[in-house]
Amino acid sequence: MFESLKEILVNKLKVTPEQITLEATFEDIELDSLAVVELSLVLETELGVSVSDDELLETHTVGEMVELIESRSARV
């Protein structure tokens, strides 16, 4: 799931690939709240995973975001 998320961040949200690590925070990868809303929508359309922007904002690192997305995709 990390690679899928990384691909979305790079291709859709224009994050530099080198910035994306499991320990990276939103600030590290320069995601603002508007970008998080967009990420939520892209996760739904690209991966079929429903995660709200509020839930994404509750995570602190890319690794936590991956765990959240994996937990949601497991339910499908």
PDB file of N, CA and C in Angstrom:
ATOM      1  N   MET A   1       0.827  -1.203   0.000  1.00  0.00           N
ATOM      2  CA  MET A   1       0.000   0.000   0.000  1.00  0.00           C
ATOM      3  C   MET A   1       0.867   1.261   0.000  1.00  0.00           C
ATOM      4  N   PHE A   2       2.054   1.170   0.635  1.00  0.00           N
ATOM      5  CA  PHE A   2       2.940   2.336   0.667  1.00  0.00           C
ATOM      6  C   PHE A   2       3.263   2.802  -0.750  1.00  0.00           C
ATOM      7  N   GLU A   3       3.595   1.848  -1.623  1.00  0.00           N
ATOM      8  CA  GLU A   3       3.960   2.222  -2.990  1.00  0.00           C
ATOM      9  C   GLU A   3       2.783   2.851  -3.735  1.00  0.00           C
ATOM     10  N   SER A   4       1.582   2.333  -3.508  1.00  0.00           N
ATOM     11  CA  SER A   4       0.388   2.909  -4.149  1.00  0.00           C
ATOM     12  C   SER A   4       0.159   4.336  -3.673  1.00  0.00           C
ATOM     13  N   LEU A   5       0.280   4.536  -2.355  1.00  0.00           N
ATOM     14  CA  LEU A   5       0.102   5.877  -1.801  1.00  0.00           C
ATOM     15  C   LEU A   5       1.183   6.814  -2.324  1.00  0.00           C
ATOM     16  N   LYS A   6       2.403   6.330  -2.365  1.00  0.00           N
ATOM     17  CA  LYS A   6       3.520   7.151  -2.860  1.00  0.00           C
ATOM     18  C   LYS A   6       3.272   7.573  -4.311  1.00  0.00           C
ATOM     19  N   GLU A   7       2.806   6.627  -5.123  1.00  0.00           N
ATOM     20  CA  GLU A   7       2.523   6.923  -6.530  1.00  0.00           C
ATOM     21  C   GLU A   7       1.448   8.007  -6.657  1.00  0.00           C
ATOM     22  N   ILE A   8       0.405   7.905  -5.832  1.00  0.00           N
ATOM     23  CA  ILE A   8      -0.656   8.921  -5.851  1.00  0.00           C
ATOM     24  C   ILE A   8      -0.103  10.272  -5.421  1.00  0.00           C
ATOM     25  N   LEU A   9       0.680  10.289  -4.354  1.00  0.00           N
ATOM     26  CA  LEU A   9       1.249  11.549  -3.860  1.00  0.00           C
ATOM     27  C   LEU A   9       2.142  12.199  -4.909  1.00  0.00           C
ATOM     28  N   VAL A  10       2.917  11.401  -5.601  1.00  0.00           N
ATOM     29  CA  VAL A  10       3.836  11.938  -6.614  1.00  0.00           C
ATOM     30  C   VAL A  10       3.084  12.385  -7.862  1.00  0.00           C
ATOM     31  N   ASN A  11       2.223  11.513  -8.387  1.00  0.00           N
ATOM     32  CA  ASN A  11       1.575  11.788  -9.674  1.00  0.00           C
ATOM     33  C   ASN A  11       0.388  12.742  -9.588  1.00  0.00           C
ATOM     34  N   LYS A  12      -0.368  12.667  -8.511  1.00  0.00           N
ATOM     35  CA  LYS A  12      -1.572  13.498  -8.409  1.00  0.00           C
ATOM     36  C   LYS A  12      -1.349  14.778  -7.607  1.00  0.00           C
ATOM     37  N   LEU A  13      -0.510  14.687  -6.572  1.00  0.00           N
ATOM     38  CA  LEU A  13      -0.340  15.840  -5.687  1.00  0.00           C
ATOM     39  C   LEU A  13       1.042  16.491  -5.810  1.00  0.00           C
ATOM     40  N   LYS A  14       1.845  15.978  -6.733  1.00  0.00           N
ATOM     41  CA  LYS A  14       3.137  16.591  -7.085  1.00  0.00           C
ATOM     42  C   LYS A  14       4.120  16.676  -5.908  1.00  0.00           C
ATOM     43  N   VAL A  15       4.108  15.633  -5.060  1.00  0.00           N
ATOM     44  CA  VAL A  15       5.078  15.554  -3.965  1.00  0.00           C
ATOM     45  C   VAL A  15       6.354  14.955  -4.531  1.00  0.00           C
ATOM     46  N   THR A  16       7.508  15.461  -4.115  1.00  0.00           N
ATOM     47  CA  THR A  16       8.795  14.938  -4.548  1.00  0.00           C
ATOM     48  C   THR A  16       8.984  13.537  -3.968  1.00  0.00           C
ATOM     49  N   PRO A  17       9.289  12.539  -4.811  1.00  0.00           N
ATOM     50  CA  PRO A  17       9.386  11.157  -4.330  1.00  0.00           C
ATOM     51  C   PRO A  17      10.354  10.970  -3.155  1.00  0.00           C
ATOM     52  N   GLU A  18      11.445  11.707  -3.167  1.00  0.00           N
ATOM     53  CA  GLU A  18      12.447  11.570  -2.107  1.00  0.00           C
ATOM     54  C   GLU A  18      11.914  11.999  -0.737  1.00  0.00           C
ATOM     55  N   GLN A  19      10.887  12.827  -0.724  1.00  0.00           N
ATOM     56  CA  GLN A  19      10.309  13.311   0.535  1.00  0.00           C
ATOM     57  C   GLN A  19       9.442  12.261   1.209  1.00  0.00           C
ATOM     58  N   ILE A  20       8.982  11.287   0.449  1.00  0.00           N
ATOM     59  CA  ILE A  20       7.984  10.339   0.960  1.00  0.00           C
ATOM     60  C   ILE A  20       8.658   9.139   1.622  1.00  0.00           C
ATOM     61  N   THR A  21       8.577   9.115   2.945  1.00  0.00           N
ATOM     62  CA  THR A  21       9.039   7.973   3.721  1.00  0.00           C
ATOM     63  C   THR A  21       7.931   7.629   4.710  1.00  0.00           C
ATOM     64  N   LEU A  22       8.028   6.479   5.336  1.00  0.00           N
ATOM     65  CA  LEU A  22       7.005   6.092   6.310  1.00  0.00           C
ATOM     66  C   LEU A  22       6.985   7.040   7.498  1.00  0.00           C
ATOM     67  N   GLU A  23       8.124   7.679   7.793  1.00  0.00           N
ATOM     68  CA  GLU A  23       8.230   8.584   8.941  1.00  0.00           C
ATOM     69  C   GLU A  23       7.866  10.017   8.605  1.00  0.00           C
ATOM     70  N   ALA A  24       7.680  10.319   7.316  1.00  0.00           N
ATOM     71  CA  ALA A  24       7.410  11.700   6.885  1.00  0.00           C
ATOM     72  C   ALA A  24       6.058  12.191   7.402  1.00  0.00           C
ATOM     73  N   THR A  25       6.036  13.441   7.853  1.00  0.00           N
ATOM     74  CA  THR A  25       4.788  14.071   8.304  1.00  0.00           C
ATOM     75  C   THR A  25       4.170  14.845   7.135  1.00  0.00           C
ATOM     76  N   PHE A  26       2.952  15.360   7.349  1.00  0.00           N
ATOM     77  CA  PHE A  26       2.324  16.202   6.322  1.00  0.00           C
ATOM     78  C   PHE A  26       3.204  17.398   5.994  1.00  0.00           C
ATOM     79  N   GLU A  27       3.823  17.959   7.027  1.00  0.00           N
ATOM     80  CA  GLU A  27       4.697  19.116   6.816  1.00  0.00           C
ATOM     81  C   GLU A  27       5.912  18.721   5.973  1.00  0.00           C
ATOM     82  N   ASP A  28       6.467  17.534   6.243  1.00  0.00           N
ATOM     83  CA  ASP A  28       7.640  17.065   5.491  1.00  0.00           C
ATOM     84  C   ASP A  28       7.341  16.944   4.003  1.00  0.00           C
ATOM     85  N   ILE A  29       6.137  16.461   3.687  1.00  0.00           N
ATOM     86  CA  ILE A  29       5.796  16.274   2.273  1.00  0.00           C
ATOM     87  C   ILE A  29       4.963  17.433   1.726  1.00  0.00           C
ATOM     88  N   GLU A  30       4.829  18.470   2.552  1.00  0.00           N
ATOM     89  CA  GLU A  30       4.197  19.724   2.144  1.00  0.00           C
ATOM     90  C   GLU A  30       2.749  19.549   1.689  1.00  0.00           C
ATOM     91  N   LEU A  31       1.979  18.772   2.478  1.00  0.00           N
ATOM     92  CA  LEU A  31       0.549  18.608   2.203  1.00  0.00           C
ATOM     93  C   LEU A  31      -0.243  19.527   3.112  1.00  0.00           C
ATOM     94  N   ASP A  32      -1.029  20.410   2.520  1.00  0.00           N
ATOM     95  CA  ASP A  32      -1.908  21.247   3.331  1.00  0.00           C
ATOM     96  C   ASP A  32      -3.282  20.589   3.401  1.00  0.00           C
ATOM     97  N   SER A  33      -4.193  21.203   4.122  1.00  0.00           N
ATOM     98  CA  SER A  33      -5.505  20.579   4.328  1.00  0.00           C
ATOM     99  C   SER A  33      -6.273  20.405   3.018  1.00  0.00           C
ATOM    100  N   LEU A  34      -6.099  21.308   2.075  1.00  0.00           N
ATOM    101  CA  LEU A  34      -6.767  21.181   0.783  1.00  0.00           C
ATOM    102  C   LEU A  34      -6.228  19.968   0.015  1.00  0.00           C
ATOM    103  N   ALA A  35      -4.927  19.755   0.082  1.00  0.00           N
ATOM    104  CA  ALA A  35      -4.318  18.600  -0.574  1.00  0.00           C
ATOM    105  C   ALA A  35      -4.799  17.305   0.063  1.00  0.00           C
ATOM    106  N   VAL A  36      -5.035  17.327   1.369  1.00  0.00           N
ATOM    107  CA  VAL A  36      -5.536  16.138   2.068  1.00  0.00           C
ATOM    108  C   VAL A  36      -6.959  15.812   1.606  1.00  0.00           C
ATOM    109  N   VAL A  37      -7.773  16.829   1.373  1.00  0.00           N
ATOM    110  CA  VAL A  37      -9.119  16.619   0.835  1.00  0.00           C
ATOM    111  C   VAL A  37      -9.014  15.964  -0.544  1.00  0.00           C
ATOM    112  N   GLU A  38      -8.119  16.485  -1.357  1.00  0.00           N
ATOM    113  CA  GLU A  38      -7.914  15.917  -2.696  1.00  0.00           C
ATOM    114  C   GLU A  38      -7.424  14.466  -2.589  1.00  0.00           C
ATOM    115  N   LEU A  39      -6.515  14.210  -1.656  1.00  0.00           N
ATOM    116  CA  LEU A  39      -6.003  12.855  -1.461  1.00  0.00           C
ATOM    117  C   LEU A  39      -7.137  11.898  -1.088  1.00  0.00           C
ATOM    118  N   SER A  40      -8.016  12.329  -0.230  1.00  0.00           N
ATOM    119  CA  SER A  40      -9.160  11.518   0.170  1.00  0.00           C
ATOM    120  C   SER A  40     -10.000  11.131  -1.049  1.00  0.00           C
ATOM    121  N   LEU A  41     -10.245  12.078  -1.927  1.00  0.00           N
ATOM    122  CA  LEU A  41     -11.033  11.826  -3.139  1.00  0.00           C
ATOM    123  C   LEU A  41     -10.303  10.886  -4.099  1.00  0.00           C
ATOM    124  N   VAL A  42      -9.001  11.077  -4.229  1.00  0.00           N
ATOM    125  CA  VAL A  42      -8.204  10.236  -5.126  1.00  0.00           C
ATOM    126  C   VAL A  42      -8.138   8.797  -4.606  1.00  0.00           C
ATOM    127  N   LEU A  43      -8.023   8.625  -3.292  1.00  0.00           N
ATOM    128  CA  LEU A  43      -8.001   7.276  -2.715  1.00  0.00           C
ATOM    129  C   LEU A  43      -9.299   6.543  -3.040  1.00  0.00           C
ATOM    130  N   GLU A  44     -10.402   7.271  -2.992  1.00  0.00           N
ATOM    131  CA  GLU A  44     -11.706   6.678  -3.297  1.00  0.00           C
ATOM    132  C   GLU A  44     -11.781   6.260  -4.765  1.00  0.00           C
ATOM    133  N   THR A  45     -11.368   7.150  -5.663  1.00  0.00           N
ATOM    134  CA  THR A  45     -11.502   6.850  -7.094  1.00  0.00           C
ATOM    135  C   THR A  45     -10.441   5.873  -7.590  1.00  0.00           C
ATOM    136  N   GLU A  46      -9.207   6.011  -7.119  1.00  0.00           N
ATOM    137  CA  GLU A  46      -8.106   5.179  -7.623  1.00  0.00           C
ATOM    138  C   GLU A  46      -8.057   3.802  -6.961  1.00  0.00           C
ATOM    139  N   LEU A  47      -8.282   3.765  -5.646  1.00  0.00           N
ATOM    140  CA  LEU A  47      -8.121   2.512  -4.901  1.00  0.00           C
ATOM    141  C   LEU A  47      -9.427   1.954  -4.363  1.00  0.00           C
ATOM    142  N   GLY A  48     -10.500   2.740  -4.475  1.00  0.00           N
ATOM    143  CA  GLY A  48     -11.778   2.294  -3.951  1.00  0.00           C
ATOM    144  C   GLY A  48     -11.817   2.232  -2.438  1.00  0.00           C
ATOM    145  N   VAL A  49     -10.965   3.057  -1.792  1.00  0.00           N
ATOM    146  CA  VAL A  49     -10.879   3.074  -0.331  1.00  0.00           C
ATOM    147  C   VAL A  49     -11.489   4.370   0.176  1.00  0.00           C
ATOM    148  N   SER A  50     -12.470   4.243   1.053  1.00  0.00           N
ATOM    149  CA  SER A  50     -13.154   5.415   1.583  1.00  0.00           C
ATOM    150  C   SER A  50     -12.531   5.840   2.910  1.00  0.00           C
ATOM    151  N   VAL A  51     -11.765   6.928   2.862  1.00  0.00           N
ATOM    152  CA  VAL A  51     -11.147   7.511   4.050  1.00  0.00           C
ATOM    153  C   VAL A  51     -11.414   9.005   3.983  1.00  0.00           C
ATOM    154  N   SER A  52     -12.028   9.555   5.024  1.00  0.00           N
ATOM    155  CA  SER A  52     -12.330  10.992   4.987  1.00  0.00           C
ATOM    156  C   SER A  52     -11.064  11.815   5.213  1.00  0.00           C
ATOM    157  N   ASP A  53     -11.137  13.066   4.778  1.00  0.00           N
ATOM    158  CA  ASP A  53     -10.002  13.960   4.985  1.00  0.00           C
ATOM    159  C   ASP A  53      -9.749  14.164   6.479  1.00  0.00           C
ATOM    160  N   ASP A  54     -10.812  14.199   7.283  1.00  0.00           N
ATOM    161  CA  ASP A  54     -10.632  14.351   8.735  1.00  0.00           C
ATOM    162  C   ASP A  54      -9.850  13.176   9.311  1.00  0.00           C
ATOM    163  N   GLU A  55     -10.158  11.976   8.839  1.00  0.00           N
ATOM    164  CA  GLU A  55      -9.432  10.794   9.312  1.00  0.00           C
ATOM    165  C   GLU A  55      -7.966  10.855   8.894  1.00  0.00           C
ATOM    166  N   LEU A  56      -7.724  11.293   7.678  1.00  0.00           N
ATOM    167  CA  LEU A  56      -6.341  11.424   7.214  1.00  0.00           C
ATOM    168  C   LEU A  56      -5.589  12.462   8.048  1.00  0.00           C
ATOM    169  N   LEU A  57      -6.262  13.551   8.381  1.00  0.00           N
ATOM    170  CA  LEU A  57      -5.615  14.604   9.171  1.00  0.00           C
ATOM    171  C   LEU A  57      -5.289  14.144  10.594  1.00  0.00           C
ATOM    172  N   GLU A  58      -5.978  13.110  11.072  1.00  0.00           N
ATOM    173  CA  GLU A  58      -5.688  12.577  12.404  1.00  0.00           C
ATOM    174  C   GLU A  58      -4.410  11.749  12.426  1.00  0.00           C
ATOM    175  N   THR A  59      -3.945  11.332  11.257  1.00  0.00           N
ATOM    176  CA  THR A  59      -2.677  10.600  11.203  1.00  0.00           C
ATOM    177  C   THR A  59      -1.535  11.604  11.255  1.00  0.00           C
ATOM    178  N   HIS A  60      -0.383  11.139  11.720  1.00  0.00           N
ATOM    179  CA  HIS A  60       0.747  12.066  11.878  1.00  0.00           C
ATOM    180  C   HIS A  60       1.881  11.807  10.901  1.00  0.00           C
ATOM    181  N   THR A  61       1.918  10.600  10.355  1.00  0.00           N
ATOM    182  CA  THR A  61       2.993  10.254   9.416  1.00  0.00           C
ATOM    183  C   THR A  61       2.411   9.513   8.217  1.00  0.00           C
ATOM    184  N   VAL A  62       3.219   9.391   7.188  1.00  0.00           N
ATOM    185  CA  VAL A  62       2.808   8.622   6.013  1.00  0.00           C
ATOM    186  C   VAL A  62       2.560   7.169   6.420  1.00  0.00           C
ATOM    187  N   GLY A  63       3.367   6.647   7.330  1.00  0.00           N
ATOM    188  CA  GLY A  63       3.183   5.276   7.801  1.00  0.00           C
ATOM    189  C   GLY A  63       1.828   5.068   8.455  1.00  0.00           C
ATOM    190  N   GLU A  64       1.404   6.026   9.269  1.00  0.00           N
ATOM    191  CA  GLU A  64       0.080   5.934   9.903  1.00  0.00           C
ATOM    192  C   GLU A  64      -1.024   6.027   8.850  1.00  0.00           C
ATOM    193  N   MET A  65      -0.788   6.838   7.835  1.00  0.00           N
ATOM    194  CA  MET A  65      -1.749   6.969   6.747  1.00  0.00           C
ATOM    195  C   MET A  65      -1.880   5.629   6.011  1.00  0.00           C
ATOM    196  N   VAL A  66      -0.749   4.978   5.772  1.00  0.00           N
ATOM    197  CA  VAL A  66      -0.752   3.667   5.113  1.00  0.00           C
ATOM    198  C   VAL A  66      -1.535   2.656   5.953  1.00  0.00           C
ATOM    199  N   GLU A  67      -1.307   2.648   7.264  1.00  0.00           N
ATOM    200  CA  GLU A  67      -2.030   1.725   8.152  1.00  0.00           C
ATOM    201  C   GLU A  67      -3.538   1.962   8.091  1.00  0.00           C
ATOM    202  N   LEU A  68      -3.938   3.228   8.097  1.00  0.00           N
ATOM    203  CA  LEU A  68      -5.359   3.575   8.019  1.00  0.00           C
ATOM    204  C   LEU A  68      -5.960   3.079   6.704  1.00  0.00           C
ATOM    205  N   ILE A  69      -5.277   3.338   5.611  1.00  0.00           N
ATOM    206  CA  ILE A  69      -5.771   2.929   4.290  1.00  0.00           C
ATOM    207  C   ILE A  69      -5.846   1.407   4.207  1.00  0.00           C
ATOM    208  N   GLU A  70      -4.824   0.720   4.736  1.00  0.00           N
ATOM    209  CA  GLU A  70      -4.830  -0.745   4.720  1.00  0.00           C
ATOM    210  C   GLU A  70      -5.988  -1.296   5.544  1.00  0.00           C
ATOM    211  N   SER A  71      -6.277  -0.667   6.692  1.00  0.00           N
ATOM    212  CA  SER A  71      -7.371  -1.157   7.533  1.00  0.00           C
ATOM    213  C   SER A  71      -8.706  -0.979   6.816  1.00  0.00           C
ATOM    214  N   ARG A  72      -8.833   0.093   6.047  1.00  0.00           N
ATOM    215  CA  ARG A  72     -10.075   0.340   5.297  1.00  0.00           C
ATOM    216  C   ARG A  72     -10.191  -0.595   4.108  1.00  0.00           C
ATOM    217  N   SER A  73      -9.091  -0.844   3.419  1.00  0.00           N
ATOM    218  CA  SER A  73      -9.168  -1.706   2.246  1.00  0.00           C
ATOM    219  C   SER A  73      -9.401  -3.153   2.647  1.00  0.00           C
ATOM    220  N   ALA A  74      -9.036  -3.530   3.850  1.00  0.00           N
ATOM    221  CA  ALA A  74      -9.259  -4.893   4.336  1.00  0.00           C
ATOM    222  C   ALA A  74     -10.741  -5.157   4.561  1.00  0.00           C
ATOM    223  N   ARG A  75     -11.510  -4.095   4.833  1.00  0.00           N
ATOM    224  CA  ARG A  75     -12.942  -4.236   5.101  1.00  0.00           C
ATOM    225  C   ARG A  75     -13.752  -4.469   3.843  1.00  0.00           C
ATOM    226  N   VAL A  76     -13.208  -4.103   2.712  1.00  0.00           N
ATOM    227  CA  VAL A  76     -13.966  -4.157   1.456  1.00  0.00           C
ATOM    228  C   VAL A  76     -14.167  -5.587   0.993  1.00  0.00           C
TER     229      VAL A  76
END
